Amino acid sequence: MANIVCFVKFADEADKAWEHDFDYYDNMFNSTEEGANSVRNFFSDMSYGSMDWESTILPFEYVDSHPVGYFLPKGNSNPDGYTDLDLMLDTRIKTLVKDMCLFLDEKLASYDFNGDGFIDENDKIVVDANGDGEVDNIVMIICGDSDKSASRMLWPSNNRGATAYLGGVKVGNYLKVFDGANGYKSMVPQKINTGVLCHEMTHTLGAYDLYTTKGNANSTLEPVNVWDLMSDNQTVPQGLTAYMRMQYGSPFGGWLPRTDIKQISQNGRYTLRPLSSETPDDVAFIIRPDRTRAEYFMVEYRDRNDMWDSSLPAGGMLVYRVNPLVTQTGNLGKDFELYVFRPNSNAGTSAGLIKRATLGTDTRRTSFGHIDDNDYPFYSDGTRAYFCITDVKETAEGISFSFSTDITGSSAVTEIDADLIPDGKIYTLQGIRINRITSTGIYIIDGKKVFVRK
């Protein structure tokens, strides 16, 4: 994938200074140093090294012919501002993109990009690295601050539909961010950061927002909150969930193919490796207790020792529900593409304690879905899903847990080697008495469920 970064100013702000120098922006996008908080490192880590999203930072700026007021709401003091129809159709930003690309084509045609003293084919920049006939991505960094509301035109966003060409290639996704404020938290401007950049660029991969919007009947339920970049991005981007990597990253170099994710259905003990591991082996499992339903469940282990997940409120095992029927709306509608389970949600009727969603040491939660637990997995219609996760323990390898489709049984399954089985009556889970154990599995010994390793 290619990414073209252009600096943009408005006509009445042509003399406005940028927050940083060129090298700062180049490092923010392209640094490959270990531990560097860069866009390139983020997508490399999210994809387990299969995606290298390098950016071309153009060394000149485009000054639009319109003043900043042209991109603000129309009013008595701003008669040339935009109308609701302009906002809905995004006409003014599309025109800006078109005019910007005409300017860039003219500049690039006479620019010695590689500094060899000649203007030739070697100076052409790559705009369509994946060969799909579209410019892969354009980032416009606008000098100054965003507006104060996501409902306004000057707000970080990713769009399509501009009738524009760059280097003879049709423009696909274009996004705008701001050098100064990219929204405000507690009235504090959020300066340009990798969090907002990676969030908007992930839209280019096809992902939708996982937060809810005002006007949605379920807008207060916080389906994902901070547990995925596409819900509540931090200034240093937190990681994408395994589902988002599988669903939207896999077409761009592999990432986490669904065929590589183990589906667990047998009662037993399992171990998850951290989602932030260098390879994708056993970083997530799929649980599908009812095959007549489209919805299914996933589990993963989030480790706060990882740079990208260091801002999470807790580490541990995350359990969530996936609805593959709403991949074209994300969490913007009444049905959620992804819903993270948490304590006190009352079967999804309240936000509950979303910051304590994980199972593990940090939250002191070791069981989920057992008949004795207050919280349990459920489908979008509120129907309970019959499986439970118990005896969650963090280990040197990751996090281990017992999985069972029997939610009324013991809250933990004891594990023991066959040679250490005590004398007593041995039964299968179907209640059949046996004389000896010949294979690994779960048995009832002296009235207790025991996982026997043969």
Foldseek 3Di string as FASTA:
>chain_A
DEEEEAEEEEPVCPVPDFPDDPVVVQQQAADPPPPRLHLQVQLCLLQLNQDGYHYDYDPDHYYDDHGPLCQWADDPVRPNHDDPVCLVVVVVVLVVQAVVQVVVQVVQQPDPQVPPPDRDPVSDDDQCPPPPQERLEYEYAYEDEADADPSGRRAWAKDADRQHDHPNGHYGIYTYAYQWARYDDVNHRDGQASLSVNLRSLVSLVFAAQAEDPPAPLNQQCQAPQPASSYDADRSGAHHDPVSCQPRVCVRRHRDDPVQAAEDDAWDKDFAAASSDSDRHRQKYKYDQDPVAQKTKMKGWHDLVDPRNVPQLDTAMWIKMARVVPRNHANHHNDHRIGTWDPPCLLVVHNHPNSLRHAEDRNVHFKEQAPPDPHADDDPVSHGQQKMWGRWYQDPRGIMITIDSHRDADRHAAEDEQVPQDDFWKAAPVGHTDDGDDAFGWIQGPNHIYGYHD
